[in-house]
Amino acid sequence: PEFLPPELRGLLAYELGTPRRVAPRSYGGGTF
């Protein structure tokens, strides 16, 4: 998927660490 980040005004941004992957589990009646 393609991620389009929000336009930040008045904020300075830094990418933190590496993306985390969480094993499938139930969220709101579905497994994700």
PDB file of all heavy atoms in Angstrom:
ATOM      1  N   PRO A   1       0.831  -1.208   0.000  1.00  0.00           N
ATOM      2  CA  PRO A   1       0.000   0.000   0.000  1.00  0.00           C
ATOM      3  C   PRO A   1       0.868   1.261   0.000  1.00  0.00           C
ATOM      4  O   PRO A   1       2.027   1.252   0.429  1.00  0.00           O
ATOM      5  CB  PRO A   1      -0.829  -0.122   1.281  1.00  0.00           C
ATOM      6  CG  PRO A   1      -0.782  -1.569   1.623  1.00  0.00           C
ATOM      7  CD  PRO A   1       0.547  -2.077   1.159  1.00  0.00           C
ATOM      8  N   GLU A   2       0.297   2.352  -0.461  1.00  0.00           N
ATOM      9  CA  GLU A   2       0.988   3.638  -0.508  1.00  0.00           C
ATOM     10  C   GLU A   2       0.471   4.515   0.627  1.00  0.00           C
ATOM     11  O   GLU A   2      -0.734   4.744   0.749  1.00  0.00           O
ATOM     12  CB  GLU A   2       0.764   4.324  -1.850  1.00  0.00           C
ATOM     13  CG  GLU A   2       1.345   3.562  -3.024  1.00  0.00           C
ATOM     14  CD  GLU A   2       1.097   4.279  -4.334  1.00  0.00           C
ATOM     15  OE1 GLU A   2       0.475   5.371  -4.293  1.00  0.00           O
ATOM     16  OE2 GLU A   2       1.519   3.768  -5.382  1.00  0.00           O
ATOM     17  N   PHE A   3       1.430   5.008   1.438  1.00  0.00           N
ATOM     18  CA  PHE A   3       1.087   5.821   2.603  1.00  0.00           C
ATOM     19  C   PHE A   3       1.358   7.282   2.272  1.00  0.00           C
ATOM     20  O   PHE A   3       2.467   7.658   1.861  1.00  0.00           O
ATOM     21  CB  PHE A   3       1.916   5.373   3.808  1.00  0.00           C
ATOM     22  CG  PHE A   3       1.799   6.297   4.995  1.00  0.00           C
ATOM     23  CD1 PHE A   3       0.594   6.479   5.642  1.00  0.00           C
ATOM     24  CD2 PHE A   3       2.905   6.993   5.452  1.00  0.00           C
ATOM     25  CE1 PHE A   3       0.484   7.323   6.732  1.00  0.00           C
ATOM     26  CE2 PHE A   3       2.801   7.837   6.541  1.00  0.00           C
ATOM     27  CZ  PHE A   3       1.591   8.005   7.181  1.00  0.00           C
ATOM     28  N   LEU A   4       0.353   8.152   2.438  1.00  0.00           N
ATOM     29  CA  LEU A   4       0.487   9.593   2.236  1.00  0.00           C
ATOM     30  C   LEU A   4       0.411  10.264   3.600  1.00  0.00           C
ATOM     31  O   LEU A   4      -0.661  10.351   4.202  1.00  0.00           O
ATOM     32  CB  LEU A   4      -0.625  10.119   1.327  1.00  0.00           C
ATOM     33  CG  LEU A   4      -0.581  11.626   1.031  1.00  0.00           C
ATOM     34  CD1 LEU A   4       0.699  11.979   0.292  1.00  0.00           C
ATOM     35  CD2 LEU A   4      -1.803  12.040   0.206  1.00  0.00           C
ATOM     36  N   PRO A   5       1.557  10.730   4.146  1.00  0.00           N
ATOM     37  CA  PRO A   5       1.551  11.307   5.490  1.00  0.00           C
ATOM     38  C   PRO A   5       0.801  12.631   5.518  1.00  0.00           C
ATOM     39  O   PRO A   5       0.638  13.295   4.482  1.00  0.00           O
ATOM     40  CB  PRO A   5       3.040  11.495   5.794  1.00  0.00           C
ATOM     41  CG  PRO A   5       3.683  11.621   4.464  1.00  0.00           C
ATOM     42  CD  PRO A   5       2.898  10.746   3.539  1.00  0.00           C
ATOM     43  N   PRO A   6       0.353  13.063   6.679  1.00  0.00           N
ATOM     44  CA  PRO A   6      -0.359  14.344   6.786  1.00  0.00           C
ATOM     45  C   PRO A   6       0.604  15.517   6.621  1.00  0.00           C
ATOM     46  O   PRO A   6       1.812  15.405   6.859  1.00  0.00           O
ATOM     47  CB  PRO A   6      -0.958  14.304   8.196  1.00  0.00           C
ATOM     48  CG  PRO A   6      -0.033  13.420   8.957  1.00  0.00           C
ATOM     49  CD  PRO A   6       0.443  12.371   7.995  1.00  0.00           C
ATOM     50  N   GLU A   7       0.054  16.637   6.219  1.00  0.00           N
ATOM     51  CA  GLU A   7       0.842  17.861   6.103  1.00  0.00           C
ATOM     52  C   GLU A   7       0.936  18.511   7.478  1.00  0.00           C
ATOM     53  O   GLU A   7      -0.072  18.934   8.054  1.00  0.00           O
ATOM     54  CB  GLU A   7       0.199  18.816   5.103  1.00  0.00           C
ATOM     55  CG  GLU A   7       0.976  20.108   4.910  1.00  0.00           C
ATOM     56  CD  GLU A   7       0.303  21.040   3.932  1.00  0.00           C
ATOM     57  OE1 GLU A   7      -0.745  20.638   3.371  1.00  0.00           O
ATOM     58  OE2 GLU A   7       0.805  22.154   3.741  1.00  0.00           O
ATOM     59  N   LEU A   8       2.153  18.596   8.003  1.00  0.00           N
ATOM     60  CA  LEU A   8       2.366  19.085   9.362  1.00  0.00           C
ATOM     61  C   LEU A   8       2.763  20.555   9.308  1.00  0.00           C
ATOM     62  O   LEU A   8       3.735  20.924   8.637  1.00  0.00           O
ATOM     63  CB  LEU A   8       3.462  18.265  10.050  1.00  0.00           C
ATOM     64  CG  LEU A   8       3.199  16.760  10.149  1.00  0.00           C
ATOM     65  CD1 LEU A   8       4.382  16.052  10.777  1.00  0.00           C
ATOM     66  CD2 LEU A   8       1.926  16.496  10.953  1.00  0.00           C
ATOM     67  N   ARG A   9       2.023  21.373  10.017  1.00  0.00           N
ATOM     68  CA  ARG A   9       2.323  22.793  10.115  1.00  0.00           C
ATOM     69  C   ARG A   9       2.611  23.139  11.562  1.00  0.00           C
ATOM     70  O   ARG A   9       1.813  22.836  12.443  1.00  0.00           O
ATOM     71  CB  ARG A   9       1.163  23.631   9.589  1.00  0.00           C
ATOM     72  CG  ARG A   9       0.891  23.427   8.099  1.00  0.00           C
ATOM     73  CD  ARG A   9      -0.224  24.333   7.616  1.00  0.00           C
ATOM     74  NE  ARG A   9      -0.474  24.143   6.186  1.00  0.00           N
ATOM     75  CZ  ARG A   9      -1.403  24.803   5.491  1.00  0.00           C
ATOM     76  NH1 ARG A   9      -2.167  25.707   6.116  1.00  0.00           N
ATOM     77  NH2 ARG A   9      -1.567  24.569   4.205  1.00  0.00           N
ATOM     78  N   GLY A  10       3.730  23.791  11.779  1.00  0.00           N
ATOM     79  CA  GLY A  10       4.136  24.131  13.141  1.00  0.00           C
ATOM     80  C   GLY A  10       4.748  22.978  13.888  1.00  0.00           C
ATOM     81  O   GLY A  10       4.883  23.048  15.108  1.00  0.00           O
ATOM     82  N   LEU A  11       5.096  21.892  13.177  1.00  0.00           N
ATOM     83  CA  LEU A  11       5.669  20.711  13.812  1.00  0.00           C
ATOM     84  C   LEU A  11       6.884  20.252  13.019  1.00  0.00           C
ATOM     85  O   LEU A  11       6.900  20.294  11.783  1.00  0.00           O
ATOM     86  CB  LEU A  11       4.650  19.571  13.877  1.00  0.00           C
ATOM     87  CG  LEU A  11       3.415  19.793  14.760  1.00  0.00           C
ATOM     88  CD1 LEU A  11       2.381  18.721  14.478  1.00  0.00           C
ATOM     89  CD2 LEU A  11       3.802  19.782  16.237  1.00  0.00           C
ATOM     90  N   LEU A  12       7.908  19.814  13.742  1.00  0.00           N
ATOM     91  CA  LEU A  12       9.074  19.182  13.141  1.00  0.00           C
ATOM     92  C   LEU A  12       8.971  17.681  13.359  1.00  0.00           C
ATOM     93  O   LEU A  12       8.600  17.230  14.453  1.00  0.00           O
ATOM     94  CB  LEU A  12      10.365  19.723  13.761  1.00  0.00           C
ATOM     95  CG  LEU A  12      10.580  21.237  13.648  1.00  0.00           C
ATOM     96  CD1 LEU A  12      11.867  21.640  14.359  1.00  0.00           C
ATOM     97  CD2 LEU A  12      10.621  21.666  12.194  1.00  0.00           C
ATOM     98  N   ALA A  13       9.284  16.890  12.335  1.00  0.00           N
ATOM     99  CA  ALA A  13       9.047  15.442  12.397  1.00  0.00           C
ATOM    100  C   ALA A  13      10.341  14.678  12.163  1.00  0.00           C
ATOM    101  O   ALA A  13      11.207  15.094  11.384  1.00  0.00           O
ATOM    102  CB  ALA A  13       8.007  15.035  11.357  1.00  0.00           C
ATOM    103  N   TYR A  14      10.466  13.541  12.868  1.00  0.00           N
ATOM    104  CA  TYR A  14      11.561  12.586  12.694  1.00  0.00           C
ATOM    105  C   TYR A  14      10.962  11.181  12.650  1.00  0.00           C
ATOM    106  O   TYR A  14      10.047  10.866  13.427  1.00  0.00           O
ATOM    107  CB  TYR A  14      12.569  12.657  13.856  1.00  0.00           C
ATOM    108  CG  TYR A  14      13.286  13.970  14.000  1.00  0.00           C
ATOM    109  CD1 TYR A  14      12.751  14.993  14.787  1.00  0.00           C
ATOM    110  CD2 TYR A  14      14.501  14.197  13.365  1.00  0.00           C
ATOM    111  CE1 TYR A  14      13.409  16.200  14.935  1.00  0.00           C
ATOM    112  CE2 TYR A  14      15.170  15.400  13.512  1.00  0.00           C
ATOM    113  CZ  TYR A  14      14.613  16.398  14.295  1.00  0.00           C
ATOM    114  OH  TYR A  14      15.271  17.588  14.435  1.00  0.00           O
ATOM    115  N   GLU A  15      11.473  10.335  11.753  1.00  0.00           N
ATOM    116  CA  GLU A  15      11.051   8.941  11.716  1.00  0.00           C
ATOM    117  C   GLU A  15      11.698   8.196  12.890  1.00  0.00           C
ATOM    118  O   GLU A  15      12.906   8.288  13.110  1.00  0.00           O
ATOM    119  CB  GLU A  15      11.462   8.288  10.397  1.00  0.00           C
ATOM    120  CG  GLU A  15      10.819   8.921   9.168  1.00  0.00           C
ATOM    121  CD  GLU A  15       9.322   8.691   9.128  1.00  0.00           C
ATOM    122  OE1 GLU A  15       8.851   7.732   9.783  1.00  0.00           O
ATOM    123  OE2 GLU A  15       8.629   9.455   8.440  1.00  0.00           O
ATOM    124  N   LEU A  16      10.896   7.431  13.624  1.00  0.00           N
ATOM    125  CA  LEU A  16      11.378   6.721  14.810  1.00  0.00           C
ATOM    126  C   LEU A  16      11.533   5.240  14.513  1.00  0.00           C
ATOM    127  O   LEU A  16      10.578   4.574  14.081  1.00  0.00           O
ATOM    128  CB  LEU A  16      10.406   6.897  15.987  1.00  0.00           C
ATOM    129  CG  LEU A  16      10.479   8.205  16.768  1.00  0.00           C
ATOM    130  CD1 LEU A  16       9.460   8.194  17.897  1.00  0.00           C
ATOM    131  CD2 LEU A  16      11.870   8.425  17.327  1.00  0.00           C
ATOM    132  N   GLY A  17      12.725   4.721  14.770  1.00  0.00           N
ATOM    133  CA  GLY A  17      12.964   3.288  14.722  1.00  0.00           C
ATOM    134  C   GLY A  17      12.572   2.662  13.401  1.00  0.00           C
ATOM    135  O   GLY A  17      12.591   3.276  12.340  1.00  0.00           O
ATOM    136  N   THR A  18      12.201   1.380  13.477  1.00  0.00           N
ATOM    137  CA  THR A  18      11.760   0.612  12.311  1.00  0.00           C
ATOM    138  C   THR A  18      10.311   0.186  12.518  1.00  0.00           C
ATOM    139  O   THR A  18       9.841   0.053  13.657  1.00  0.00           O
ATOM    140  CB  THR A  18      12.646  -0.630  12.123  1.00  0.00           C
ATOM    141  OG1 THR A  18      12.591  -1.423  13.316  1.00  0.00           O
ATOM    142  CG2 THR A  18      14.094  -0.232  11.845  1.00  0.00           C
ATOM    143  N   PRO A  19       9.576  -0.032  11.427  1.00  0.00           N
ATOM    144  CA  PRO A  19       8.174  -0.469  11.579  1.00  0.00           C
ATOM    145  C   PRO A  19       8.074  -1.777  12.371  1.00  0.00           C
ATOM    146  O   PRO A  19       8.918  -2.667  12.260  1.00  0.00           O
ATOM    147  CB  PRO A  19       7.699  -0.632  10.143  1.00  0.00           C
ATOM    148  CG  PRO A  19       8.626   0.215   9.329  1.00  0.00           C
ATOM    149  CD  PRO A  19       9.947   0.164  10.019  1.00  0.00           C
ATOM    150  N   ARG A  20       7.036  -1.863  13.206  1.00  0.00           N
ATOM    151  CA  ARG A  20       6.773  -3.054  14.015  1.00  0.00           C
ATOM    152  C   ARG A  20       5.659  -3.883  13.387  1.00  0.00           C
ATOM    153  O   ARG A  20       4.658  -3.338  12.925  1.00  0.00           O
ATOM    154  CB  ARG A  20       6.378  -2.647  15.443  1.00  0.00           C
ATOM    155  CG  ARG A  20       7.468  -1.920  16.208  1.00  0.00           C
ATOM    156  CD  ARG A  20       8.695  -2.805  16.406  1.00  0.00           C
ATOM    157  NE  ARG A  20       9.713  -2.136  17.186  1.00  0.00           N
ATOM    158  CZ  ARG A  20       9.882  -2.316  18.507  1.00  0.00           C
ATOM    159  NH1 ARG A  20       9.093  -3.165  19.142  1.00  0.00           N
ATOM    160  NH2 ARG A  20      10.808  -1.666  19.151  1.00  0.00           N
ATOM    161  N   ARG A  21       5.880  -5.212  13.388  1.00  0.00           N
ATOM    162  CA  ARG A  21       4.860  -6.129  12.872  1.00  0.00           C
ATOM    163  C   ARG A  21       4.321  -6.945  14.036  1.00  0.00           C
ATOM    164  O   ARG A  21       5.091  -7.530  14.806  1.00  0.00           O
ATOM    165  CB  ARG A  21       5.460  -7.046  11.810  1.00  0.00           C
ATOM    166  CG  ARG A  21       4.488  -8.090  11.276  1.00  0.00           C
ATOM    167  CD  ARG A  21       5.172  -8.965  10.253  1.00  0.00           C
ATOM    168  NE  ARG A  21       4.278 -10.031   9.781  1.00  0.00           N
ATOM    169  CZ  ARG A  21       4.656 -10.968   8.933  1.00  0.00           C
ATOM    170  NH1 ARG A  21       5.912 -10.990   8.469  1.00  0.00           N
ATOM    171  NH2 ARG A  21       3.793 -11.898   8.542  1.00  0.00           N
ATOM    172  N   VAL A  22       3.012  -6.978  14.156  1.00  0.00           N
ATOM    173  CA  VAL A  22       2.343  -7.696  15.242  1.00  0.00           C
ATOM    174  C   VAL A  22       1.586  -8.874  14.639  1.00  0.00           C
ATOM    175  O   VAL A  22       0.898  -8.736  13.614  1.00  0.00           O
ATOM    176  CB  VAL A  22       1.380  -6.774  16.018  1.00  0.00           C
ATOM    177  CG1 VAL A  22       0.712  -7.537  17.159  1.00  0.00           C
ATOM    178  CG2 VAL A  22       2.129  -5.560  16.551  1.00  0.00           C
ATOM    179  N   ALA A  23       1.746 -10.024  15.254  1.00  0.00           N
ATOM    180  CA  ALA A  23       1.108 -11.255  14.756  1.00  0.00           C
ATOM    181  C   ALA A  23      -0.404 -11.088  14.685  1.00  0.00           C
ATOM    182  O   ALA A  23      -0.998 -10.289  15.418  1.00  0.00           O
ATOM    183  CB  ALA A  23       1.468 -12.421  15.661  1.00  0.00           C
ATOM    184  N   PRO A  24      -1.059 -11.813  13.809  1.00  0.00           N
ATOM    185  CA  PRO A  24      -2.523 -11.678  13.671  1.00  0.00           C
ATOM    186  C   PRO A  24      -3.243 -11.949  14.990  1.00  0.00           C
ATOM    187  O   PRO A  24      -2.907 -12.869  15.728  1.00  0.00           O
ATOM    188  CB  PRO A  24      -2.874 -12.723  12.615  1.00  0.00           C
ATOM    189  CG  PRO A  24      -1.611 -12.925  11.842  1.00  0.00           C
ATOM    190  CD  PRO A  24      -0.503 -12.768  12.836  1.00  0.00           C
ATOM    191  N   ARG A  25      -4.195 -11.086  15.245  1.00  0.00           N
ATOM    192  CA  ARG A  25      -5.064 -11.272  16.405  1.00  0.00           C
ATOM    193  C   ARG A  25      -6.381 -10.563  16.121  1.00  0.00           C
ATOM    194  O   ARG A  25      -6.520  -9.854  15.132  1.00  0.00           O
ATOM    195  CB  ARG A  25      -4.417 -10.756  17.676  1.00  0.00           C
ATOM    196  CG  ARG A  25      -4.162  -9.271  17.710  1.00  0.00           C
ATOM    197  CD  ARG A  25      -3.567  -8.866  19.059  1.00  0.00           C
ATOM    198  NE  ARG A  25      -3.358  -7.428  19.138  1.00  0.00           N
ATOM    199  CZ  ARG A  25      -2.881  -6.814  20.219  1.00  0.00           C
ATOM    200  NH1 ARG A  25      -2.538  -7.534  21.291  1.00  0.00           N
ATOM    201  NH2 ARG A  25      -2.735  -5.509  20.228  1.00  0.00           N
ATOM    202  N   SER A  26      -7.301 -10.724  17.036  1.00  0.00           N
ATOM    203  CA  SER A  26      -8.660 -10.238  16.809  1.00  0.00           C
ATOM    204  C   SER A  26      -8.764  -8.766  17.168  1.00  0.00           C
ATOM    205  O   SER A  26      -8.338  -8.349  18.251  1.00  0.00           O
ATOM    206  CB  SER A  26      -9.654 -11.048  17.640  1.00  0.00           C
ATOM    207  OG  SER A  26     -10.961 -10.551  17.474  1.00  0.00           O
ATOM    208  N   TYR A  27      -9.325  -7.986  16.220  1.00  0.00           N
ATOM    209  CA  TYR A  27      -9.606  -6.569  16.436  1.00  0.00           C
ATOM    210  C   TYR A  27     -11.014  -6.302  15.933  1.00  0.00           C
ATOM    211  O   TYR A  27     -11.295  -6.454  14.734  1.00  0.00           O
ATOM    212  CB  TYR A  27      -8.628  -5.675  15.659  1.00  0.00           C
ATOM    213  CG  TYR A  27      -7.186  -5.815  16.079  1.00  0.00           C
ATOM    214  CD1 TYR A  27      -6.337  -6.651  15.369  1.00  0.00           C
ATOM    215  CD2 TYR A  27      -6.681  -5.109  17.156  1.00  0.00           C
ATOM    216  CE1 TYR A  27      -5.013  -6.774  15.727  1.00  0.00           C
ATOM    217  CE2 TYR A  27      -5.358  -5.230  17.525  1.00  0.00           C
ATOM    218  CZ  TYR A  27      -4.524  -6.065  16.809  1.00  0.00           C
ATOM    219  OH  TYR A  27      -3.218  -6.185  17.167  1.00  0.00           O
ATOM    220  N   GLY A  28     -11.909  -5.895  16.837  1.00  0.00           N
ATOM    221  CA  GLY A  28     -13.257  -5.497  16.433  1.00  0.00           C
ATOM    222  C   GLY A  28     -14.000  -6.562  15.670  1.00  0.00           C
ATOM    223  O   GLY A  28     -14.683  -6.246  14.691  1.00  0.00           O
ATOM    224  N   GLY A  29     -13.880  -7.823  16.057  1.00  0.00           N
ATOM    225  CA  GLY A  29     -14.620  -8.879  15.402  1.00  0.00           C
ATOM    226  C   GLY A  29     -13.929  -9.477  14.205  1.00  0.00           C
ATOM    227  O   GLY A  29     -14.464 -10.405  13.584  1.00  0.00           O
ATOM    228  N   GLY A  30     -12.748  -9.020  13.857  1.00  0.00           N
ATOM    229  CA  GLY A  30     -12.005  -9.568  12.736  1.00  0.00           C
ATOM    230  C   GLY A  30     -10.572  -9.849  13.132  1.00  0.00           C
ATOM    231  O   GLY A  30     -10.046  -9.313  14.111  1.00  0.00           O
ATOM    232  N   THR A  31      -9.921 -10.714  12.371  1.00  0.00           N
ATOM    233  CA  THR A  31      -8.526 -11.057  12.633  1.00  0.00           C
ATOM    234  C   THR A  31      -7.652 -10.288  11.650  1.00  0.00           C
ATOM    235  O   THR A  31      -7.834 -10.388  10.428  1.00  0.00           O
ATOM    236  CB  THR A  31      -8.298 -12.568  12.482  1.00  0.00           C
ATOM    237  OG1 THR A  31      -9.171 -13.258  13.380  1.00  0.00           O
ATOM    238  CG2 THR A  31      -6.857 -12.919  12.784  1.00  0.00           C
ATOM    239  N   PHE A  32      -6.689  -9.520  12.215  1.00  0.00           N
ATOM    240  CA  PHE A  32      -5.837  -8.662  11.398  1.00  0.00           C
ATOM    241  C   PHE A  32      -4.378  -8.846  11.809  1.00  0.00           C
ATOM    242  O   PHE A  32      -4.063  -9.119  12.983  1.00  0.00           O
ATOM    243  CB  PHE A  32      -6.210  -7.181  11.555  1.00  0.00           C
ATOM    244  CG  PHE A  32      -7.580  -6.837  11.047  1.00  0.00           C
ATOM    245  CD1 PHE A  32      -8.684  -6.891  11.895  1.00  0.00           C
ATOM    246  CD2 PHE A  32      -7.764  -6.459   9.734  1.00  0.00           C
ATOM    247  CE1 PHE A  32      -9.936  -6.561  11.437  1.00  0.00           C
ATOM    248  CE2 PHE A  32      -9.028  -6.128   9.270  1.00  0.00           C
ATOM    249  CZ  PHE A  32     -10.116  -6.181  10.116  1.00  0.00           C
TER     250      PHE A  32
END
